Amino acid sequence: MPVAVVMEGSERYDLKTLPGAYVKIKRMNWGEKLQLRSFNSKMTMRSQKGRKDVESELSIFNKQQELYSVAHCITEHNLQDSDERLLNLTLEGDCLKLRADIAEEITTLIDKLNNFEDDDDTGK
């Protein structure tokens, strides 16, 4: 029978933005993905301009999404602060210390691994 749950294990990625650095990333399970989506806020506004109805949607991206992804998907890394202390990426303060380019590369890797819509096998 096919196994339909996330299996233990993670994929290692060498970071391009910091030579010698790596992260190991695991896939999210459905519960984690739902929790991640719950941080996103959307608001739809409808108004009338003259004789036309106007509808606009505002999406508010929450930093909690990124922090949650990093805390739950990074299983191992070798990233340190300036005192050579291994960063604890489950702590917001340590995550916010990361250089922006490094953090963006990590979150892009997490998104790529966990985004079904960008899966080459499905063509989506």
N, C-alpha and C. Protein backbone atom coordinates (compact mmCIF):
# COMPACT_ATOMS: atom_id res chain seq x y z
N MET A 1 0.84 -1.18 0.00
CA MET A 1 0.00 0.00 0.00
C MET A 1 0.89 1.25 0.00
N PRO A 2 0.50 2.28 -0.70
CA PRO A 2 1.28 3.52 -0.72
C PRO A 2 1.22 4.24 0.63
N VAL A 3 2.35 4.73 1.07
CA VAL A 3 2.45 5.48 2.32
C VAL A 3 2.09 6.93 2.03
N ALA A 4 1.09 7.46 2.74
CA ALA A 4 0.58 8.80 2.46
C ALA A 4 0.90 9.82 3.54
N VAL A 5 1.91 9.53 4.33
CA VAL A 5 2.31 10.47 5.39
C VAL A 5 3.74 10.91 5.13
N VAL A 6 4.12 12.00 5.75
CA VAL A 6 5.49 12.49 5.60
C VAL A 6 6.42 11.53 6.33
N MET A 7 7.41 11.07 5.62
CA MET A 7 8.39 10.16 6.20
C MET A 7 9.50 10.99 6.85
N GLU A 8 10.10 10.42 7.87
CA GLU A 8 11.23 11.09 8.51
C GLU A 8 12.35 11.25 7.49
N GLY A 9 13.13 12.27 7.67
CA GLY A 9 14.24 12.51 6.77
C GLY A 9 14.19 13.92 6.23
N SER A 10 15.30 14.35 5.72
CA SER A 10 15.38 15.71 5.19
C SER A 10 16.41 15.73 4.07
N GLU A 11 16.35 16.81 3.31
CA GLU A 11 17.28 16.98 2.20
C GLU A 11 18.29 18.06 2.56
N ARG A 12 19.53 17.82 2.22
CA ARG A 12 20.60 18.77 2.53
C ARG A 12 20.78 19.72 1.35
N TYR A 13 20.94 20.99 1.67
CA TYR A 13 21.19 22.04 0.68
C TYR A 13 22.41 22.85 1.11
N ASP A 14 23.38 22.96 0.22
CA ASP A 14 24.51 23.86 0.46
C ASP A 14 24.08 25.25 0.04
N LEU A 15 24.32 26.22 0.90
CA LEU A 15 23.86 27.58 0.63
C LEU A 15 24.81 28.31 -0.31
N LYS A 16 24.25 28.93 -1.32
CA LYS A 16 25.03 29.71 -2.28
C LYS A 16 25.44 31.05 -1.68
N THR A 17 24.62 31.57 -0.76
CA THR A 17 24.87 32.89 -0.18
C THR A 17 25.92 32.88 0.91
N LEU A 18 26.30 31.68 1.39
CA LEU A 18 27.31 31.57 2.45
C LEU A 18 28.10 30.28 2.23
N PRO A 19 29.20 30.36 1.48
CA PRO A 19 29.99 29.17 1.20
C PRO A 19 30.37 28.42 2.48
N GLY A 20 30.19 27.10 2.43
CA GLY A 20 30.49 26.25 3.57
C GLY A 20 29.29 26.01 4.48
N ALA A 21 28.23 26.78 4.28
CA ALA A 21 27.03 26.64 5.11
C ALA A 21 26.05 25.68 4.45
N TYR A 22 25.28 24.99 5.29
CA TYR A 22 24.25 24.09 4.77
C TYR A 22 23.04 24.12 5.69
N VAL A 23 21.91 23.68 5.16
CA VAL A 23 20.71 23.43 5.95
C VAL A 23 20.13 22.11 5.48
N LYS A 24 19.49 21.41 6.40
CA LYS A 24 18.72 20.22 6.05
C LYS A 24 17.26 20.58 6.27
N ILE A 25 16.46 20.33 5.25
CA ILE A 25 15.05 20.74 5.26
C ILE A 25 14.17 19.52 5.11
N LYS A 26 13.11 19.47 5.91
CA LYS A 26 12.14 18.38 5.80
C LYS A 26 10.85 18.91 5.16
N ARG A 27 10.10 17.98 4.61
CA ARG A 27 8.78 18.32 4.08
C ARG A 27 7.81 18.54 5.22
N MET A 28 6.87 19.45 4.99
CA MET A 28 5.80 19.68 5.96
C MET A 28 4.73 18.62 5.82
N ASN A 29 4.08 18.31 6.92
CA ASN A 29 2.88 17.49 6.83
C ASN A 29 1.69 18.43 6.61
N TRP A 30 0.52 17.87 6.37
CA TRP A 30 -0.66 18.68 6.06
C TRP A 30 -1.01 19.61 7.22
N GLY A 31 -0.89 19.13 8.45
CA GLY A 31 -1.19 19.96 9.61
C GLY A 31 -0.29 21.19 9.68
N GLU A 32 0.99 21.01 9.40
CA GLU A 32 1.92 22.14 9.40
C GLU A 32 1.59 23.10 8.27
N LYS A 33 1.24 22.56 7.12
CA LYS A 33 0.89 23.42 5.98
C LYS A 33 -0.37 24.24 6.28
N LEU A 34 -1.36 23.61 6.92
CA LEU A 34 -2.57 24.34 7.30
C LEU A 34 -2.26 25.43 8.31
N GLN A 35 -1.41 25.11 9.28
CA GLN A 35 -1.02 26.11 10.27
C GLN A 35 -0.33 27.29 9.60
N LEU A 36 0.55 26.99 8.66
CA LEU A 36 1.26 28.03 7.92
C LEU A 36 0.28 28.94 7.18
N ARG A 37 -0.69 28.34 6.52
CA ARG A 37 -1.68 29.13 5.78
C ARG A 37 -2.54 29.99 6.70
N SER A 38 -2.72 29.55 7.94
CA SER A 38 -3.57 30.30 8.86
C SER A 38 -2.96 31.65 9.22
N PHE A 39 -1.66 31.81 9.01
CA PHE A 39 -1.01 33.10 9.30
C PHE A 39 -1.29 34.14 8.23
N ASN A 40 -1.74 33.71 7.08
CA ASN A 40 -1.99 34.63 5.97
C ASN A 40 -3.38 35.24 6.12
N SER A 41 -3.45 36.53 6.03
CA SER A 41 -4.74 37.22 6.16
C SER A 41 -5.15 37.79 4.81
N LYS A 42 -6.41 37.63 4.49
CA LYS A 42 -6.94 38.21 3.26
C LYS A 42 -8.17 39.02 3.60
N MET A 43 -8.34 40.10 2.87
CA MET A 43 -9.49 40.95 3.07
C MET A 43 -10.01 41.34 1.69
N THR A 44 -11.29 41.16 1.46
CA THR A 44 -11.90 41.56 0.20
C THR A 44 -12.77 42.78 0.45
N MET A 45 -12.60 43.76 -0.41
CA MET A 45 -13.38 45.00 -0.29
C MET A 45 -14.20 45.17 -1.57
N ARG A 46 -15.44 45.54 -1.40
CA ARG A 46 -16.30 45.83 -2.55
C ARG A 46 -16.81 47.25 -2.41
N SER A 47 -16.81 47.94 -3.50
CA SER A 47 -17.34 49.30 -3.50
C SER A 47 -17.93 49.58 -4.88
N GLN A 48 -18.63 50.68 -4.96
CA GLN A 48 -19.22 51.06 -6.24
C GLN A 48 -18.62 52.40 -6.65
N LYS A 49 -18.14 52.42 -7.87
CA LYS A 49 -17.55 53.63 -8.42
C LYS A 49 -18.38 53.99 -9.64
N GLY A 50 -19.18 55.01 -9.48
CA GLY A 50 -20.11 55.34 -10.56
C GLY A 50 -21.10 54.21 -10.71
N ARG A 51 -21.17 53.67 -11.89
CA ARG A 51 -22.08 52.55 -12.15
C ARG A 51 -21.37 51.19 -12.09
N LYS A 52 -20.09 51.23 -11.82
CA LYS A 52 -19.31 49.99 -11.81
C LYS A 52 -19.09 49.51 -10.37
N ASP A 53 -19.19 48.20 -10.20
CA ASP A 53 -18.81 47.59 -8.94
C ASP A 53 -17.31 47.32 -9.00
N VAL A 54 -16.62 47.67 -7.94
CA VAL A 54 -15.18 47.46 -7.88
C VAL A 54 -14.90 46.51 -6.72
N GLU A 55 -14.13 45.49 -7.01
CA GLU A 55 -13.74 44.54 -5.96
C GLU A 55 -12.23 44.46 -5.93
N SER A 56 -11.66 44.54 -4.75
CA SER A 56 -10.22 44.40 -4.62
C SER A 56 -9.92 43.50 -3.43
N GLU A 57 -8.81 42.83 -3.52
CA GLU A 57 -8.42 41.92 -2.45
C GLU A 57 -7.05 42.33 -1.95
N LEU A 58 -6.91 42.34 -0.64
CA LEU A 58 -5.66 42.70 -0.01
C LEU A 58 -5.15 41.49 0.76
N SER A 59 -3.97 41.04 0.43
CA SER A 59 -3.34 39.94 1.16
C SER A 59 -2.28 40.52 2.06
N ILE A 60 -2.32 40.13 3.30
CA ILE A 60 -1.35 40.60 4.27
C ILE A 60 -0.43 39.45 4.59
N PHE A 61 0.82 39.58 4.21
CA PHE A 61 1.79 38.54 4.47
C PHE A 61 2.33 38.73 5.87
N ASN A 62 2.34 37.70 6.63
CA ASN A 62 2.73 37.77 8.01
C ASN A 62 4.10 37.16 8.19
N LYS A 63 4.99 37.87 8.91
CA LYS A 63 6.33 37.33 9.14
C LYS A 63 6.27 36.02 9.90
N GLN A 64 5.18 35.78 10.61
CA GLN A 64 5.04 34.52 11.33
C GLN A 64 5.09 33.33 10.39
N GLN A 65 4.65 33.50 9.15
CA GLN A 65 4.73 32.41 8.17
C GLN A 65 6.18 31.98 7.97
N GLU A 66 7.05 32.93 7.74
CA GLU A 66 8.45 32.61 7.49
C GLU A 66 9.10 32.01 8.73
N LEU A 67 8.84 32.61 9.90
CA LEU A 67 9.43 32.10 11.13
C LEU A 67 8.96 30.68 11.42
N TYR A 68 7.68 30.42 11.17
CA TYR A 68 7.12 29.09 11.38
C TYR A 68 7.79 28.08 10.44
N SER A 69 7.93 28.45 9.18
CA SER A 69 8.55 27.56 8.20
C SER A 69 9.97 27.19 8.61
N VAL A 70 10.74 28.18 8.98
CA VAL A 70 12.13 27.93 9.37
C VAL A 70 12.18 27.05 10.62
N ALA A 71 11.37 27.38 11.62
CA ALA A 71 11.39 26.63 12.87
C ALA A 71 10.98 25.17 12.69
N HIS A 72 10.04 24.91 11.78
CA HIS A 72 9.50 23.56 11.63
C HIS A 72 10.15 22.74 10.53
N CYS A 73 10.84 23.37 9.60
CA CYS A 73 11.38 22.62 8.46
C CYS A 73 12.89 22.42 8.50
N ILE A 74 13.61 23.28 9.21
CA ILE A 74 15.06 23.11 9.29
C ILE A 74 15.35 22.08 10.38
N THR A 75 15.92 20.95 9.98
CA THR A 75 16.21 19.89 10.95
C THR A 75 17.66 19.90 11.40
N GLU A 76 18.52 20.53 10.60
CA GLU A 76 19.94 20.60 10.94
C GLU A 76 20.56 21.72 10.12
N HIS A 77 21.58 22.34 10.68
CA HIS A 77 22.30 23.40 9.96
C HIS A 77 23.64 23.64 10.66
N ASN A 78 24.48 24.45 10.05
CA ASN A 78 25.74 24.83 10.68
C ASN A 78 25.90 26.35 10.74
N LEU A 79 24.82 27.07 10.86
CA LEU A 79 24.84 28.53 10.87
C LEU A 79 25.13 29.04 12.28
N GLN A 80 26.09 29.95 12.38
CA GLN A 80 26.52 30.47 13.67
C GLN A 80 26.38 31.98 13.71
N ASP A 81 26.37 32.52 14.93
CA ASP A 81 26.42 33.97 15.08
C ASP A 81 27.88 34.41 15.16
N SER A 82 28.13 35.68 15.39
CA SER A 82 29.50 36.20 15.39
C SER A 82 30.34 35.67 16.56
N ASP A 83 29.68 35.11 17.58
CA ASP A 83 30.39 34.50 18.71
C ASP A 83 30.61 33.00 18.51
N GLU A 84 30.36 32.52 17.29
CA GLU A 84 30.50 31.12 16.90
C GLU A 84 29.55 30.21 17.67
N ARG A 85 28.42 30.75 18.07
CA ARG A 85 27.35 29.99 18.72
C ARG A 85 26.39 29.52 17.64
N LEU A 86 26.06 28.25 17.64
CA LEU A 86 25.10 27.72 16.68
C LEU A 86 23.76 28.40 16.88
N LEU A 87 23.20 28.95 15.81
CA LEU A 87 21.90 29.62 15.91
C LEU A 87 20.80 28.62 16.20
N ASN A 88 19.85 29.01 17.03
CA ASN A 88 18.67 28.20 17.32
C ASN A 88 17.54 28.77 16.46
N LEU A 89 17.30 28.13 15.32
CA LEU A 89 16.34 28.67 14.36
C LEU A 89 14.88 28.45 14.76
N THR A 90 14.66 27.91 15.95
CA THR A 90 13.30 27.87 16.49
C THR A 90 13.00 29.12 17.30
N LEU A 91 14.02 29.95 17.49
CA LEU A 91 13.86 31.21 18.23
C LEU A 91 13.80 32.39 17.26
N GLU A 92 12.79 33.23 17.42
CA GLU A 92 12.62 34.38 16.54
C GLU A 92 13.86 35.27 16.55
N GLY A 93 14.41 35.52 17.72
CA GLY A 93 15.58 36.40 17.82
C GLY A 93 16.76 35.91 17.01
N ASP A 94 17.01 34.61 17.03
CA ASP A 94 18.11 34.06 16.24
C ASP A 94 17.81 34.13 14.75
N CYS A 95 16.58 33.86 14.37
CA CYS A 95 16.21 33.95 12.95
C CYS A 95 16.38 35.37 12.43
N LEU A 96 15.98 36.34 13.22
CA LEU A 96 16.04 37.72 12.77
C LEU A 96 17.46 38.25 12.67
N LYS A 97 18.43 37.55 13.26
CA LYS A 97 19.84 37.92 13.14
C LYS A 97 20.43 37.54 11.79
N LEU A 98 19.80 36.61 11.10
CA LEU A 98 20.34 36.14 9.82
C LEU A 98 20.48 37.28 8.82
N ARG A 99 21.52 37.21 8.01
CA ARG A 99 21.62 38.15 6.89
C ARG A 99 20.42 37.91 5.99
N ALA A 100 19.88 38.98 5.43
CA ALA A 100 18.67 38.89 4.61
C ALA A 100 18.86 37.94 3.43
N ASP A 101 19.99 37.98 2.75
CA ASP A 101 20.19 37.11 1.59
C ASP A 101 20.20 35.63 1.98
N ILE A 102 20.78 35.32 3.12
CA ILE A 102 20.81 33.94 3.60
C ILE A 102 19.40 33.49 3.97
N ALA A 103 18.68 34.32 4.71
CA ALA A 103 17.30 33.99 5.11
C ALA A 103 16.41 33.80 3.89
N GLU A 104 16.56 34.65 2.89
CA GLU A 104 15.75 34.52 1.67
C GLU A 104 16.07 33.24 0.92
N GLU A 105 17.34 32.87 0.87
CA GLU A 105 17.69 31.62 0.20
C GLU A 105 17.08 30.44 0.94
N ILE A 106 17.16 30.44 2.27
CA ILE A 106 16.61 29.34 3.07
C ILE A 106 15.10 29.24 2.88
N THR A 107 14.39 30.36 2.96
CA THR A 107 12.93 30.30 2.83
C THR A 107 12.52 29.92 1.41
N THR A 108 13.31 30.29 0.42
CA THR A 108 13.03 29.86 -0.95
C THR A 108 13.18 28.35 -1.08
N LEU A 109 14.21 27.80 -0.47
CA LEU A 109 14.41 26.35 -0.50
C LEU A 109 13.26 25.62 0.21
N ILE A 110 12.83 26.15 1.35
CA ILE A 110 11.71 25.56 2.08
C ILE A 110 10.45 25.59 1.22
N ASP A 111 10.17 26.73 0.62
CA ASP A 111 8.98 26.87 -0.23
C ASP A 111 9.04 25.91 -1.42
N LYS A 112 10.19 25.80 -2.04
CA LYS A 112 10.33 24.92 -3.20
C LYS A 112 10.07 23.46 -2.82
N LEU A 113 10.57 23.03 -1.68
CA LEU A 113 10.38 21.65 -1.25
C LEU A 113 8.93 21.37 -0.85
N ASN A 114 8.22 22.39 -0.38
CA ASN A 114 6.87 22.19 0.16
C ASN A 114 5.76 22.74 -0.70
N ASN A 115 6.06 23.19 -1.91
CA ASN A 115 5.05 23.78 -2.76
C ASN A 115 4.68 22.81 -3.88
N PHE A 116 3.54 22.16 -3.75
CA PHE A 116 3.08 21.19 -4.73
C PHE A 116 2.86 21.83 -6.10
N GLU A 117 2.43 23.09 -6.12
CA GLU A 117 2.13 23.76 -7.38
C GLU A 117 3.36 23.93 -8.25
N ASP A 118 4.55 23.95 -7.65
CA ASP A 118 5.77 24.09 -8.41
C ASP A 118 6.47 22.77 -8.68
N ASP A 119 5.78 21.69 -8.44
CA ASP A 119 6.36 20.35 -8.59
C ASP A 119 6.51 20.01 -10.07
N ASP A 120 7.71 19.68 -10.48
CA ASP A 120 7.97 19.33 -11.88
C ASP A 120 7.22 18.08 -12.30
N ASP A 121 7.03 17.14 -11.38
CA ASP A 121 6.34 15.88 -11.70
C ASP A 121 4.87 16.08 -12.02
N THR A 122 4.25 17.09 -11.41
CA THR A 122 2.82 17.30 -11.63
C THR A 122 2.56 18.26 -12.78
N GLY A 123 3.59 19.00 -13.19
CA GLY A 123 3.40 19.97 -14.27
C GLY A 123 2.68 21.22 -13.84
N LYS A 124 2.54 21.43 -12.55
CA LYS A 124 1.85 22.62 -12.05
C LYS A 124 2.83 23.66 -11.61
